[in-house]
N, C-alpha and C. Protein backbone atom coordinates (compact mmCIF):
# COMPACT_ATOMS: atom_id res chain seq x y z
N MET A 1 -2.89 -12.27 -17.40
CA MET A 1 -1.54 -11.80 -17.58
C MET A 1 -0.61 -13.01 -17.63
N GLY A 2 0.46 -12.89 -18.42
CA GLY A 2 1.39 -13.98 -18.57
C GLY A 2 2.16 -14.29 -17.30
N LYS A 3 2.59 -15.54 -17.19
CA LYS A 3 3.39 -15.96 -16.04
C LYS A 3 4.75 -16.39 -16.55
N TYR A 4 5.77 -16.01 -15.83
CA TYR A 4 7.13 -16.41 -16.16
C TYR A 4 7.59 -17.45 -15.16
N GLU A 5 8.65 -18.16 -15.53
CA GLU A 5 9.21 -19.14 -14.61
C GLU A 5 9.56 -18.45 -13.30
N GLU A 6 9.52 -19.21 -12.23
CA GLU A 6 9.75 -18.66 -10.88
C GLU A 6 11.02 -17.83 -10.79
N ASP A 7 12.09 -18.27 -11.46
CA ASP A 7 13.37 -17.57 -11.32
C ASP A 7 13.60 -16.50 -12.39
N ALA A 8 12.60 -16.21 -13.21
CA ALA A 8 12.74 -15.19 -14.24
C ALA A 8 12.86 -13.81 -13.60
N SER A 9 13.67 -12.94 -14.21
CA SER A 9 13.89 -11.61 -13.62
C SER A 9 12.61 -10.77 -13.62
N TRP A 10 11.66 -11.08 -14.49
CA TRP A 10 10.40 -10.32 -14.51
C TRP A 10 9.64 -10.47 -13.20
N ASN A 11 9.93 -11.52 -12.44
CA ASN A 11 9.24 -11.75 -11.17
C ASN A 11 9.95 -11.07 -10.01
N GLU A 12 11.09 -10.44 -10.27
CA GLU A 12 11.83 -9.76 -9.20
C GLU A 12 11.24 -8.38 -8.94
N ARG A 13 11.75 -7.75 -7.90
CA ARG A 13 11.34 -6.39 -7.53
C ARG A 13 11.63 -5.45 -8.70
N PRO A 14 10.78 -4.43 -8.91
CA PRO A 14 11.03 -3.49 -10.00
C PRO A 14 12.41 -2.83 -9.89
N THR A 15 12.98 -2.48 -11.03
CA THR A 15 14.29 -1.84 -11.04
C THR A 15 14.16 -0.40 -10.54
N ASP A 16 15.29 0.18 -10.16
CA ASP A 16 15.30 1.58 -9.71
C ASP A 16 14.80 2.51 -10.81
N ASP A 17 15.18 2.23 -12.05
CA ASP A 17 14.72 3.06 -13.17
C ASP A 17 13.20 2.98 -13.32
N GLN A 18 12.64 1.79 -13.17
CA GLN A 18 11.19 1.66 -13.24
C GLN A 18 10.51 2.45 -12.13
N LEU A 19 11.05 2.35 -10.93
CA LEU A 19 10.46 3.06 -9.79
C LEU A 19 10.52 4.57 -9.98
N ARG A 20 11.66 5.06 -10.47
CA ARG A 20 11.78 6.51 -10.73
C ARG A 20 10.76 6.96 -11.78
N SER A 21 10.63 6.18 -12.82
CA SER A 21 9.71 6.51 -13.90
C SER A 21 8.26 6.53 -13.42
N ILE A 22 7.89 5.55 -12.64
CA ILE A 22 6.52 5.47 -12.11
C ILE A 22 6.24 6.65 -11.19
N ARG A 23 7.17 6.92 -10.28
CA ARG A 23 6.97 8.04 -9.35
C ARG A 23 6.89 9.38 -10.09
N ARG A 24 7.71 9.55 -11.11
CA ARG A 24 7.69 10.79 -11.89
C ARG A 24 6.34 10.96 -12.60
N ALA A 25 5.86 9.90 -13.21
CA ALA A 25 4.56 9.97 -13.89
C ALA A 25 3.45 10.29 -12.90
N TRP A 26 3.48 9.67 -11.73
CA TRP A 26 2.46 9.95 -10.71
C TRP A 26 2.49 11.42 -10.31
N ARG A 27 3.70 11.98 -10.14
CA ARG A 27 3.81 13.39 -9.77
C ARG A 27 3.25 14.29 -10.87
N ILE A 28 3.59 14.00 -12.12
CA ILE A 28 3.10 14.80 -13.25
C ILE A 28 1.57 14.76 -13.29
N LEU A 29 1.01 13.59 -13.02
CA LEU A 29 -0.45 13.43 -13.07
C LEU A 29 -1.13 13.93 -11.80
N GLY A 30 -0.34 14.28 -10.79
CA GLY A 30 -0.90 14.80 -9.55
C GLY A 30 -1.52 13.74 -8.66
N TYR A 31 -1.07 12.50 -8.81
CA TYR A 31 -1.61 11.41 -8.00
C TYR A 31 -0.96 11.39 -6.63
N ASP A 32 -1.75 11.07 -5.62
CA ASP A 32 -1.20 10.77 -4.30
C ASP A 32 -0.84 9.30 -4.30
N PHE A 33 0.35 8.98 -3.85
CA PHE A 33 0.76 7.58 -3.85
C PHE A 33 1.62 7.27 -2.65
N THR A 34 1.64 6.00 -2.29
CA THR A 34 2.48 5.51 -1.20
C THR A 34 3.30 4.34 -1.73
N GLU A 35 4.21 3.87 -0.94
CA GLU A 35 5.02 2.72 -1.34
C GLU A 35 4.16 1.48 -1.57
N GLU A 36 3.00 1.43 -0.94
CA GLU A 36 2.10 0.29 -1.14
C GLU A 36 1.53 0.26 -2.55
N ASP A 37 1.57 1.40 -3.24
CA ASP A 37 1.06 1.47 -4.61
C ASP A 37 2.06 0.94 -5.64
N ILE A 38 3.30 0.71 -5.22
CA ILE A 38 4.34 0.20 -6.12
C ILE A 38 4.05 -1.27 -6.42
N PRO A 39 4.04 -1.64 -7.70
CA PRO A 39 3.80 -3.04 -8.05
C PRO A 39 4.92 -3.95 -7.52
N PRO A 40 4.59 -5.18 -7.18
CA PRO A 40 5.59 -6.08 -6.59
C PRO A 40 6.58 -6.68 -7.59
N THR A 41 6.24 -6.71 -8.88
CA THR A 41 7.14 -7.35 -9.84
C THR A 41 7.50 -6.40 -10.98
N ARG A 42 8.59 -6.72 -11.66
CA ARG A 42 9.02 -5.92 -12.81
C ARG A 42 7.98 -5.95 -13.92
N TRP A 43 7.34 -7.09 -14.09
CA TRP A 43 6.33 -7.23 -15.14
C TRP A 43 5.17 -6.27 -14.88
N GLU A 44 4.66 -6.25 -13.66
CA GLU A 44 3.55 -5.35 -13.32
C GLU A 44 3.99 -3.89 -13.38
N ALA A 45 5.24 -3.62 -12.99
CA ALA A 45 5.76 -2.25 -13.06
C ALA A 45 5.84 -1.79 -14.51
N ARG A 46 6.25 -2.67 -15.40
CA ARG A 46 6.33 -2.34 -16.82
C ARG A 46 4.95 -1.96 -17.34
N ASN A 47 3.95 -2.74 -17.00
CA ASN A 47 2.59 -2.45 -17.46
C ASN A 47 2.09 -1.13 -16.89
N LEU A 48 2.37 -0.88 -15.62
CA LEU A 48 1.95 0.37 -14.98
C LEU A 48 2.65 1.56 -15.64
N GLN A 49 3.95 1.43 -15.91
CA GLN A 49 4.69 2.50 -16.59
C GLN A 49 4.03 2.84 -17.92
N PHE A 50 3.72 1.83 -18.69
CA PHE A 50 3.10 2.03 -20.00
C PHE A 50 1.79 2.80 -19.86
N ASP A 51 0.94 2.38 -18.93
CA ASP A 51 -0.35 3.04 -18.72
C ASP A 51 -0.19 4.47 -18.23
N LEU A 52 0.69 4.68 -17.26
CA LEU A 52 0.87 6.03 -16.70
C LEU A 52 1.40 7.01 -17.74
N TRP A 53 2.39 6.58 -18.51
CA TRP A 53 2.97 7.50 -19.49
C TRP A 53 2.01 7.76 -20.65
N ALA A 54 1.12 6.83 -20.94
CA ALA A 54 0.07 7.09 -21.93
C ALA A 54 -0.85 8.20 -21.40
N GLN A 55 -1.15 8.16 -20.11
CA GLN A 55 -1.98 9.21 -19.50
C GLN A 55 -1.25 10.56 -19.51
N VAL A 56 0.06 10.54 -19.26
CA VAL A 56 0.84 11.78 -19.28
C VAL A 56 0.81 12.37 -20.70
N ARG A 57 1.01 11.53 -21.71
CA ARG A 57 0.98 12.02 -23.10
C ARG A 57 -0.40 12.58 -23.44
N ALA A 58 -1.44 11.89 -23.02
CA ALA A 58 -2.81 12.36 -23.29
C ALA A 58 -3.07 13.69 -22.59
N LYS A 59 -2.57 13.82 -21.39
CA LYS A 59 -2.74 15.07 -20.64
C LYS A 59 -2.04 16.22 -21.35
N GLY A 60 -0.88 15.95 -21.91
CA GLY A 60 -0.12 16.97 -22.63
C GLY A 60 -0.83 17.44 -23.90
N LYS A 61 -1.56 16.54 -24.54
CA LYS A 61 -2.27 16.89 -25.77
C LYS A 61 -3.51 17.74 -25.51
N LYS A 62 -4.05 17.66 -24.29
CA LYS A 62 -5.26 18.40 -23.94
C LYS A 62 -5.00 19.88 -23.73
N LYS A 63 -3.74 20.25 -23.49
CA LYS A 63 -3.40 21.65 -23.19
C LYS A 63 -3.63 22.55 -24.38
């Protein structure tokens, strides 16, 4: 995975919008999750969002 400069915003805590999106996808997928499951950086949160919402879309197509 790519690395950004130490002070790049991608290395900061995920945004509130990212956290809401991740939690919503987990609920839709029926996953049990805790705060420990939240990625530590915005970059990792972005990747997780992408993966989770791909699973949500795939789940919707199976119906």
